[in-house]
Structure formats: structure tokens, C-alpha cells
Amino acid sequence: MECAFRSPGIVYNNFPWPENPTDAQRAAIEVAAQGVLDALAAHPNASLADLYDPVTMPPSLVKAHQALDVAVDAAYGRKNFRNDAERVAFLFELYQKYTSLLPSSAPARKSRKRFGQTAQDGDETVKRVVARLNEVERLANQRIVVEETRRGWRSRIEPATA
């Protein structure tokens, strides 16, 4: 689950890497990722805020990201997500699957579009993902409070070192 694309000064968000991408799929992602880097390099004086403003985003950068989306989607065995929310929900479900300490409650099954399926189904998935993220954030905040409390107690118990 590691992304090999790293560059000084650039940070990529972590995402679950496809389980078994082919060499051709890896190569396509590498080429597409380099296309994004090249599109960014073509605008050395622009800030990331300027480059990623939806109104003023350079067309070359839009196309480079679209090509990267296509390459990554293919590596996951998916094509044509209906929208970004569906793509994000898919990635969060994978992330949960890969990081969960609990066994899966139901056997994995292939998703098929059923008659009458609507965009609301995708919205429900997004709501579940957001609820799960809120729960993770709540638990992380609890852990931070516990760690800060421990540090506070340690500073009262341990003598100060000069």
C-alpha cells in the first residue's frame, strides 16, 4: 500500500494502492503522474492555490489529472465513476478494508448496477464514509487528549532536567 511517487517539496495524499496492478498499469500511472508534475512545472510562478482554483486551473493540468484518474481507475479495475464522490467513497471503503483490525462482517461481492439504482445510493455510501471518518477523528482526538494528559502528569511527577 505504498505509493512510489515522491518528490522533495511535494506531498501526495495517501491512498490505498491497488492490490495487484499489472506492470502496464503501473507504467501508465507513472507516465500520468509525471504528466501532472510536468503540467505543474510549466507554471513555476503560480501558487498551488492558483493552479488548483476550479475557475482558473490551467487546461493542461486538468487534462493531466484526468489522465491520471483514468490510469488509477484502470488499476483498480474500475471505469467511469459517476462522480468524484463515488470515487472517494470507493477509496475510503478500500482504506477501511485495508486498515480495519476487525474481520470483514460480510463476504466481498462484486458490485453490480441494479435496475432503479439512483445517485442517492452513492450519496448513502458517502454518508457512511463521512460518518466513519467522523468516528475515526473523534477517536483520534480522544487519544490526543489522553496523551496530553499523560504528558501533563509526567511533567508533574518527573523532576525537571537542566
N, C-alpha and C. Protein backbone atom coordinates (compact mmCIF):
# COMPACT_ATOMS: atom_id res chain seq x y z
N MET A 1 0.82 -1.18 0.00
CA MET A 1 0.00 0.00 0.00
C MET A 1 0.87 1.25 0.00
N GLU A 2 1.90 1.27 -0.74
CA GLU A 2 2.77 2.42 -0.75
C GLU A 2 2.83 3.00 -2.15
N CYS A 3 2.85 4.30 -2.21
CA CYS A 3 2.97 4.98 -3.50
C CYS A 3 4.45 5.34 -3.68
N ALA A 4 5.02 5.01 -4.80
CA ALA A 4 6.44 5.24 -5.03
C ALA A 4 6.72 6.66 -5.54
N PHE A 5 5.68 7.45 -5.77
CA PHE A 5 5.89 8.79 -6.31
C PHE A 5 6.19 9.76 -5.18
N ARG A 6 7.44 10.19 -5.10
CA ARG A 6 7.83 11.16 -4.08
C ARG A 6 8.75 12.17 -4.74
N SER A 7 8.63 13.39 -4.27
CA SER A 7 9.47 14.44 -4.79
C SER A 7 9.69 15.46 -3.69
N PRO A 8 10.89 15.99 -3.54
CA PRO A 8 11.12 16.99 -2.49
C PRO A 8 10.16 18.16 -2.67
N GLY A 9 9.52 18.54 -1.59
CA GLY A 9 8.64 19.70 -1.64
C GLY A 9 7.22 19.38 -2.07
N ILE A 10 6.96 18.16 -2.50
CA ILE A 10 5.62 17.79 -2.93
C ILE A 10 5.14 16.65 -2.04
N VAL A 11 3.93 16.76 -1.56
CA VAL A 11 3.36 15.73 -0.71
C VAL A 11 2.10 15.21 -1.37
N TYR A 12 2.02 13.91 -1.55
CA TYR A 12 0.83 13.29 -2.12
C TYR A 12 0.00 12.73 -0.99
N ASN A 13 -1.31 12.84 -1.11
CA ASN A 13 -2.18 12.21 -0.12
C ASN A 13 -2.05 10.71 -0.24
N ASN A 14 -2.11 10.04 0.89
CA ASN A 14 -2.06 8.59 0.88
C ASN A 14 -3.37 8.05 0.34
N PHE A 15 -3.28 6.99 -0.38
CA PHE A 15 -4.48 6.30 -0.86
C PHE A 15 -4.16 4.83 -0.95
N PRO A 16 -5.17 3.99 -0.82
CA PRO A 16 -4.91 2.55 -0.90
C PRO A 16 -4.44 2.18 -2.31
N TRP A 17 -3.29 1.62 -2.41
CA TRP A 17 -2.75 1.19 -3.71
C TRP A 17 -3.51 -0.05 -4.15
N PRO A 18 -3.80 -0.18 -5.44
CA PRO A 18 -4.50 -1.38 -5.93
C PRO A 18 -3.75 -2.65 -5.52
N GLU A 19 -4.50 -3.71 -5.27
CA GLU A 19 -3.88 -4.94 -4.75
C GLU A 19 -2.91 -5.59 -5.73
N ASN A 20 -3.27 -5.74 -6.98
CA ASN A 20 -2.42 -6.44 -7.94
C ASN A 20 -2.37 -5.71 -9.28
N PRO A 21 -1.79 -4.51 -9.31
CA PRO A 21 -1.72 -3.83 -10.61
C PRO A 21 -0.70 -4.53 -11.52
N THR A 22 -1.00 -4.53 -12.79
CA THR A 22 -0.06 -5.12 -13.75
C THR A 22 1.09 -4.14 -13.98
N ASP A 23 2.15 -4.64 -14.60
CA ASP A 23 3.27 -3.76 -14.93
C ASP A 23 2.83 -2.64 -15.87
N ALA A 24 1.94 -2.96 -16.80
CA ALA A 24 1.43 -1.95 -17.73
C ALA A 24 0.63 -0.88 -16.99
N GLN A 25 -0.15 -1.30 -15.98
CA GLN A 25 -0.93 -0.33 -15.21
C GLN A 25 -0.01 0.56 -14.38
N ARG A 26 1.02 -0.03 -13.79
CA ARG A 26 1.99 0.77 -13.03
C ARG A 26 2.68 1.78 -13.95
N ALA A 27 3.07 1.33 -15.12
CA ALA A 27 3.73 2.23 -16.08
C ALA A 27 2.80 3.36 -16.50
N ALA A 28 1.52 3.04 -16.72
CA ALA A 28 0.55 4.07 -17.11
C ALA A 28 0.38 5.10 -16.00
N ILE A 29 0.37 4.65 -14.75
CA ILE A 29 0.25 5.58 -13.62
C ILE A 29 1.50 6.45 -13.52
N GLU A 30 2.67 5.84 -13.72
CA GLU A 30 3.91 6.61 -13.67
C GLU A 30 3.93 7.70 -14.73
N VAL A 31 3.53 7.35 -15.94
CA VAL A 31 3.51 8.33 -17.03
C VAL A 31 2.51 9.43 -16.72
N ALA A 32 1.31 9.05 -16.25
CA ALA A 32 0.28 10.05 -15.95
C ALA A 32 0.70 10.94 -14.78
N ALA A 33 1.33 10.37 -13.75
CA ALA A 33 1.79 11.18 -12.62
C ALA A 33 2.88 12.15 -13.08
N GLN A 34 3.75 11.70 -13.94
CA GLN A 34 4.77 12.60 -14.48
C GLN A 34 4.12 13.70 -15.29
N GLY A 35 3.03 13.39 -15.99
CA GLY A 35 2.29 14.40 -16.73
C GLY A 35 1.75 15.50 -15.82
N VAL A 36 1.28 15.12 -14.62
CA VAL A 36 0.81 16.11 -13.65
C VAL A 36 1.98 16.97 -13.19
N LEU A 37 3.11 16.33 -12.88
CA LEU A 37 4.30 17.08 -12.44
C LEU A 37 4.78 18.04 -13.54
N ASP A 38 4.75 17.58 -14.78
CA ASP A 38 5.16 18.43 -15.90
C ASP A 38 4.22 19.61 -16.07
N ALA A 39 2.92 19.36 -15.90
CA ALA A 39 1.94 20.44 -16.02
C ALA A 39 2.14 21.47 -14.91
N LEU A 40 2.46 21.00 -13.71
CA LEU A 40 2.75 21.92 -12.60
C LEU A 40 4.02 22.72 -12.87
N ALA A 41 5.05 22.03 -13.39
CA ALA A 41 6.34 22.69 -13.66
C ALA A 41 6.22 23.77 -14.74
N ALA A 42 5.22 23.66 -15.58
CA ALA A 42 5.03 24.66 -16.65
C ALA A 42 4.57 26.00 -16.09
N HIS A 43 4.24 26.04 -14.81
CA HIS A 43 3.76 27.27 -14.17
C HIS A 43 4.54 27.52 -12.88
N PRO A 44 5.85 27.79 -13.00
CA PRO A 44 6.71 27.87 -11.81
C PRO A 44 6.38 29.04 -10.88
N ASN A 45 5.76 30.08 -11.38
CA ASN A 45 5.48 31.26 -10.55
C ASN A 45 4.07 31.23 -9.95
N ALA A 46 3.30 30.21 -10.24
CA ALA A 46 1.93 30.12 -9.73
C ALA A 46 1.92 29.33 -8.42
N SER A 47 1.05 29.75 -7.51
CA SER A 47 0.90 29.01 -6.26
C SER A 47 -0.02 27.81 -6.51
N LEU A 48 0.01 26.85 -5.59
CA LEU A 48 -0.91 25.72 -5.71
C LEU A 48 -2.36 26.19 -5.64
N ALA A 49 -2.61 27.23 -4.85
CA ALA A 49 -3.97 27.77 -4.76
C ALA A 49 -4.41 28.28 -6.13
N ASP A 50 -3.51 28.94 -6.84
CA ASP A 50 -3.85 29.43 -8.18
C ASP A 50 -4.01 28.27 -9.16
N LEU A 51 -3.10 27.31 -9.08
CA LEU A 51 -3.14 26.20 -10.03
C LEU A 51 -4.37 25.32 -9.85
N TYR A 52 -4.84 25.17 -8.62
CA TYR A 52 -5.98 24.28 -8.36
C TYR A 52 -7.29 25.03 -8.12
N ASP A 53 -7.32 26.30 -8.46
CA ASP A 53 -8.58 27.04 -8.42
C ASP A 53 -9.45 26.50 -9.55
N PRO A 54 -10.65 26.02 -9.24
CA PRO A 54 -11.50 25.41 -10.28
C PRO A 54 -11.80 26.33 -11.46
N VAL A 55 -11.78 27.64 -11.23
CA VAL A 55 -12.10 28.58 -12.30
C VAL A 55 -10.89 28.86 -13.19
N THR A 56 -9.70 28.91 -12.58
CA THR A 56 -8.52 29.31 -13.34
C THR A 56 -7.51 28.18 -13.55
N MET A 57 -7.87 26.96 -13.21
CA MET A 57 -6.93 25.83 -13.35
C MET A 57 -6.51 25.71 -14.82
N PRO A 58 -5.19 25.65 -15.06
CA PRO A 58 -4.72 25.54 -16.44
C PRO A 58 -5.27 24.27 -17.12
N PRO A 59 -5.71 24.39 -18.36
CA PRO A 59 -6.26 23.23 -19.08
C PRO A 59 -5.29 22.04 -19.13
N SER A 60 -3.99 22.32 -19.24
CA SER A 60 -3.02 21.22 -19.29
C SER A 60 -3.01 20.44 -17.99
N LEU A 61 -3.22 21.12 -16.86
CA LEU A 61 -3.25 20.46 -15.57
C LEU A 61 -4.54 19.66 -15.40
N VAL A 62 -5.64 20.21 -15.88
CA VAL A 62 -6.92 19.49 -15.85
C VAL A 62 -6.79 18.18 -16.64
N LYS A 63 -6.24 18.28 -17.84
CA LYS A 63 -6.09 17.08 -18.68
C LYS A 63 -5.14 16.07 -18.06
N ALA A 64 -4.07 16.56 -17.44
CA ALA A 64 -3.11 15.66 -16.80
C ALA A 64 -3.76 14.91 -15.65
N HIS A 65 -4.56 15.60 -14.86
CA HIS A 65 -5.25 14.92 -13.75
C HIS A 65 -6.31 13.95 -14.26
N GLN A 66 -6.98 14.29 -15.33
CA GLN A 66 -7.96 13.37 -15.91
C GLN A 66 -7.27 12.10 -16.40
N ALA A 67 -6.12 12.26 -17.03
CA ALA A 67 -5.36 11.08 -17.50
C ALA A 67 -4.91 10.23 -16.32
N LEU A 68 -4.48 10.88 -15.24
CA LEU A 68 -4.07 10.14 -14.04
C LEU A 68 -5.26 9.40 -13.43
N ASP A 69 -6.43 10.04 -13.38
CA ASP A 69 -7.63 9.38 -12.87
C ASP A 69 -7.95 8.13 -13.68
N VAL A 70 -7.87 8.23 -14.99
CA VAL A 70 -8.17 7.08 -15.85
C VAL A 70 -7.19 5.94 -15.58
N ALA A 71 -5.90 6.28 -15.46
CA ALA A 71 -4.88 5.25 -15.23
C ALA A 71 -5.07 4.58 -13.86
N VAL A 72 -5.35 5.36 -12.84
CA VAL A 72 -5.53 4.80 -11.50
C VAL A 72 -6.81 3.98 -11.44
N ASP A 73 -7.90 4.50 -12.03
CA ASP A 73 -9.16 3.75 -12.05
C ASP A 73 -8.97 2.39 -12.71
N ALA A 74 -8.22 2.36 -13.80
CA ALA A 74 -7.98 1.10 -14.51
C ALA A 74 -7.22 0.10 -13.62
N ALA A 75 -6.29 0.61 -12.82
CA ALA A 75 -5.54 -0.27 -11.93
C ALA A 75 -6.43 -0.87 -10.84
N TYR A 76 -7.48 -0.15 -10.47
CA TYR A 76 -8.44 -0.68 -9.50
C TYR A 76 -9.48 -1.57 -10.17
N GLY A 77 -9.43 -1.65 -11.50
CA GLY A 77 -10.42 -2.45 -12.21
C GLY A 77 -11.75 -1.74 -12.34
N ARG A 78 -11.73 -0.42 -12.20
CA ARG A 78 -12.95 0.37 -12.29
C ARG A 78 -12.85 1.32 -13.47
N LYS A 79 -13.98 1.62 -14.06
CA LYS A 79 -14.02 2.62 -15.13
C LYS A 79 -15.24 3.49 -14.91
N ASN A 80 -15.09 4.74 -15.27
CA ASN A 80 -16.21 5.67 -15.31
C ASN A 80 -16.99 5.78 -14.00
N PHE A 81 -16.33 6.24 -12.95
CA PHE A 81 -17.07 6.58 -11.76
C PHE A 81 -18.05 7.69 -12.16
N ARG A 82 -19.23 7.69 -11.58
CA ARG A 82 -20.23 8.69 -11.96
C ARG A 82 -19.81 10.09 -11.53
N ASN A 83 -19.07 10.17 -10.43
CA ASN A 83 -18.65 11.48 -9.93
C ASN A 83 -17.49 11.27 -8.95
N ASP A 84 -16.92 12.38 -8.51
CA ASP A 84 -15.79 12.29 -7.58
C ASP A 84 -16.22 11.70 -6.24
N ALA A 85 -17.45 11.96 -5.82
CA ALA A 85 -17.93 11.41 -4.55
C ALA A 85 -17.93 9.88 -4.59
N GLU A 86 -18.31 9.31 -5.72
CA GLU A 86 -18.31 7.85 -5.86
C GLU A 86 -16.89 7.31 -5.80
N ARG A 87 -15.95 8.01 -6.44
CA ARG A 87 -14.54 7.60 -6.43
C ARG A 87 -13.98 7.66 -5.01
N VAL A 88 -14.27 8.75 -4.30
CA VAL A 88 -13.77 8.91 -2.94
C VAL A 88 -14.37 7.85 -2.02
N ALA A 89 -15.66 7.58 -2.17
CA ALA A 89 -16.30 6.54 -1.36
C ALA A 89 -15.64 5.19 -1.60
N PHE A 90 -15.35 4.88 -2.86
CA PHE A 90 -14.68 3.63 -3.21
C PHE A 90 -13.31 3.54 -2.52
N LEU A 91 -12.54 4.63 -2.58
CA LEU A 91 -11.21 4.64 -1.98
C LEU A 91 -11.27 4.54 -0.45
N PHE A 92 -12.25 5.21 0.16
CA PHE A 92 -12.39 5.11 1.62
C PHE A 92 -12.81 3.71 2.04
N GLU A 93 -13.65 3.07 1.27
CA GLU A 93 -14.03 1.70 1.59
C GLU A 93 -12.81 0.78 1.51
N LEU A 94 -11.97 0.98 0.49
CA LEU A 94 -10.74 0.20 0.41
C LEU A 94 -9.83 0.48 1.60
N TYR A 95 -9.70 1.75 1.93
CA TYR A 95 -8.85 2.13 3.06
C TYR A 95 -9.35 1.45 4.33
N GLN A 96 -10.65 1.47 4.55
CA GLN A 96 -11.22 0.83 5.74
C GLN A 96 -10.95 -0.67 5.71
N LYS A 97 -11.09 -1.27 4.54
CA LYS A 97 -10.84 -2.71 4.41
C LYS A 97 -9.38 -3.03 4.75
N TYR A 98 -8.45 -2.22 4.25
CA TYR A 98 -7.03 -2.48 4.45
C TYR A 98 -6.57 -2.20 5.88
N THR A 99 -7.21 -1.25 6.56
CA THR A 99 -6.72 -0.83 7.87
C THR A 99 -7.53 -1.37 9.03
N SER A 100 -8.67 -1.95 8.78
CA SER A 100 -9.53 -2.44 9.86
C SER A 100 -8.86 -3.60 10.58
N LEU A 101 -8.94 -3.56 11.89
CA LEU A 101 -8.41 -4.65 12.70
C LEU A 101 -9.43 -5.77 12.86
N LEU A 102 -10.66 -5.48 12.47
CA LEU A 102 -11.73 -6.46 12.59
C LEU A 102 -11.93 -7.19 11.28
N PRO A 103 -12.31 -8.46 11.34
CA PRO A 103 -12.58 -9.17 10.09
C PRO A 103 -13.82 -8.59 9.41
N SER A 104 -13.86 -8.75 8.12
CA SER A 104 -15.00 -8.27 7.36
C SER A 104 -16.25 -8.98 7.82
N SER A 105 -17.34 -8.22 8.00
CA SER A 105 -18.57 -8.81 8.51
C SER A 105 -19.34 -9.56 7.43
N ALA A 106 -19.08 -9.24 6.19
CA ALA A 106 -19.79 -9.91 5.10
C ALA A 106 -18.78 -10.28 4.03
N PRO A 107 -19.01 -11.37 3.33
CA PRO A 107 -18.08 -11.73 2.25
C PRO A 107 -18.12 -10.67 1.15
N ALA A 108 -16.95 -10.44 0.57
CA ALA A 108 -16.88 -9.46 -0.51
C ALA A 108 -17.68 -9.94 -1.71
N ARG A 109 -18.37 -9.02 -2.33
CA ARG A 109 -19.13 -9.38 -3.52
C ARG A 109 -18.97 -8.28 -4.55
N LYS A 110 -19.11 -8.65 -5.77
CA LYS A 110 -18.97 -7.68 -6.84
C LYS A 110 -20.19 -6.78 -6.86
N SER A 111 -19.91 -5.52 -7.05
CA SER A 111 -20.99 -4.54 -7.12
C SER A 111 -21.55 -4.53 -8.54
N ARG A 112 -22.85 -4.65 -8.63
CA ARG A 112 -23.50 -4.58 -9.93
C ARG A 112 -24.57 -3.52 -9.88
N LYS A 113 -24.70 -2.80 -10.95
CA LYS A 113 -25.74 -1.80 -11.02
C LYS A 113 -27.07 -2.52 -11.18
N ARG A 114 -27.98 -2.21 -10.29
CA ARG A 114 -29.29 -2.83 -10.33
C ARG A 114 -30.30 -1.90 -10.96
N PHE A 115 -31.35 -2.47 -11.44
CA PHE A 115 -32.43 -1.68 -12.04
C PHE A 115 -32.97 -0.74 -10.98
N GLY A 116 -33.09 0.53 -11.33
CA GLY A 116 -33.64 1.50 -10.41
C GLY A 116 -32.62 2.12 -9.48
N GLN A 117 -31.35 1.76 -9.62
CA GLN A 117 -30.33 2.33 -8.75
C GLN A 117 -30.17 3.81 -9.10
N THR A 118 -30.07 4.64 -8.09
CA THR A 118 -30.02 6.08 -8.31
C THR A 118 -28.74 6.67 -7.73
N ALA A 119 -28.55 7.94 -7.98
CA ALA A 119 -27.40 8.65 -7.42
C ALA A 119 -27.50 8.70 -5.90
N GLN A 120 -28.71 8.55 -5.35
CA GLN A 120 -28.87 8.57 -3.90
C GLN A 120 -28.13 7.40 -3.26
N ASP A 121 -28.01 6.27 -3.97
CA ASP A 121 -27.26 5.13 -3.44
C ASP A 121 -25.81 5.53 -3.19
N GLY A 122 -25.23 6.27 -4.14
CA GLY A 122 -23.86 6.77 -3.97
C GLY A 122 -23.79 7.75 -2.82
N ASP A 123 -24.84 8.58 -2.66
CA ASP A 123 -24.88 9.53 -1.55
C ASP A 123 -24.90 8.81 -0.22
N GLU A 124 -25.61 7.69 -0.14
CA GLU A 124 -25.65 6.93 1.11
C GLU A 124 -24.27 6.38 1.44
N THR A 125 -23.55 5.93 0.42
CA THR A 125 -22.19 5.44 0.65
C THR A 125 -21.31 6.56 1.17
N VAL A 126 -21.42 7.73 0.58
CA VAL A 126 -20.64 8.88 1.03
C VAL A 126 -21.00 9.21 2.47
N LYS A 127 -22.28 9.17 2.82
CA LYS A 127 -22.70 9.46 4.19
C LYS A 127 -22.08 8.46 5.16
N ARG A 128 -22.06 7.17 4.78
CA ARG A 128 -21.46 6.15 5.64
C ARG A 128 -19.96 6.42 5.81
N VAL A 129 -19.30 6.80 4.73
CA VAL A 129 -17.86 7.07 4.78
C VAL A 129 -17.60 8.28 5.67
N VAL A 130 -18.38 9.33 5.49
CA VAL A 130 -18.20 10.54 6.31
C VAL A 130 -18.45 10.23 7.78
N ALA A 131 -19.48 9.43 8.07
CA ALA A 131 -19.76 9.05 9.46
C ALA A 131 -18.58 8.28 10.04
N ARG A 132 -18.00 7.37 9.25
CA ARG A 132 -16.85 6.59 9.71
C ARG A 132 -15.64 7.50 9.94
N LEU A 133 -15.42 8.46 9.04
CA LEU A 133 -14.31 9.40 9.21
C LEU A 133 -14.50 10.25 10.47
N ASN A 134 -15.74 10.67 10.73
CA ASN A 134 -16.01 11.44 11.93
C ASN A 134 -15.72 10.61 13.18
N GLU A 135 -16.06 9.33 13.13
CA GLU A 135 -15.79 8.44 14.26
C GLU A 135 -14.28 8.28 14.45
N VAL A 136 -13.55 8.11 13.37
CA VAL A 136 -12.09 7.98 13.45
C VAL A 136 -11.49 9.26 14.02
N GLU A 137 -11.98 10.41 13.56
CA GLU A 137 -11.48 11.68 14.06
C GLU A 137 -11.77 11.83 15.55
N ARG A 138 -12.98 11.43 15.98
CA ARG A 138 -13.34 11.51 17.39
C ARG A 138 -12.39 10.64 18.22
N LEU A 139 -12.13 9.41 17.75
CA LEU A 139 -11.23 8.52 18.47
C LEU A 139 -9.80 9.07 18.51
N ALA A 140 -9.37 9.66 17.40
CA ALA A 140 -8.03 10.25 17.36
C ALA A 140 -7.94 11.42 18.34
N ASN A 141 -8.98 12.24 18.41
CA ASN A 141 -8.97 13.36 19.36
C ASN A 141 -8.94 12.85 20.79
N GLN A 142 -9.65 11.76 21.07
CA GLN A 142 -9.61 11.18 22.41
C GLN A 142 -8.19 10.73 22.75
N ARG A 143 -7.54 10.12 21.78
CA ARG A 143 -6.18 9.64 22.02
C ARG A 143 -5.24 10.82 22.28
N ILE A 144 -5.43 11.92 21.54
CA ILE A 144 -4.59 13.11 21.75
C ILE A 144 -4.79 13.64 23.17
N VAL A 145 -6.04 13.70 23.62
CA VAL A 145 -6.31 14.19 24.97
C VAL A 145 -5.65 13.28 26.00
N VAL A 146 -5.74 11.96 25.81
CA VAL A 146 -5.12 11.03 26.74
C VAL A 146 -3.60 11.24 26.76
N GLU A 147 -2.99 11.35 25.59
CA GLU A 147 -1.54 11.55 25.53
C GLU A 147 -1.14 12.87 26.18
N GLU A 148 -1.90 13.94 25.94
CA GLU A 148 -1.58 15.23 26.56
C GLU A 148 -1.74 15.15 28.08
N THR A 149 -2.75 14.43 28.54
CA THR A 149 -2.95 14.26 29.98
C THR A 149 -1.78 13.49 30.57
N ARG A 150 -1.34 12.42 29.91
CA ARG A 150 -0.19 11.65 30.39
C ARG A 150 1.05 12.53 30.46
N ARG A 151 1.27 13.33 29.42
CA ARG A 151 2.44 14.21 29.42
C ARG A 151 2.37 15.20 30.58
N GLY A 152 1.17 15.71 30.82
CA GLY A 152 0.99 16.66 31.92
C GLY A 152 1.31 16.03 33.26
N TRP A 153 0.85 14.80 33.47
CA TRP A 153 1.13 14.10 34.71
C TRP A 153 2.61 13.77 34.83
N ARG A 154 3.22 13.37 33.73
CA ARG A 154 4.66 13.06 33.76
C ARG A 154 5.47 14.29 34.14
N SER A 155 5.08 15.44 33.59
CA SER A 155 5.84 16.67 33.89
C SER A 155 5.71 17.04 35.36
N ARG A 156 4.62 16.66 36.01
CA ARG A 156 4.45 16.95 37.43
C ARG A 156 5.21 15.95 38.29
N ILE A 157 5.35 14.71 37.79
CA ILE A 157 5.98 13.65 38.58
C ILE A 157 7.49 13.64 38.39
N GLU A 158 7.92 13.74 37.12
CA GLU A 158 9.35 13.66 36.83
C GLU A 158 10.04 14.98 37.16
N PRO A 159 11.22 14.93 37.78
CA PRO A 159 11.93 16.17 38.08
C PRO A 159 12.44 16.80 36.78
N ALA A 160 12.42 18.11 36.76
CA ALA A 160 12.92 18.83 35.58
C ALA A 160 14.41 18.63 35.46
N THR A 161 14.88 18.44 34.21
CA THR A 161 16.31 18.28 33.97
C THR A 161 16.86 19.58 33.45
N ALA A 162 18.05 19.92 33.90
CA ALA A 162 18.65 21.18 33.48
C ALA A 162 19.60 21.00 32.35
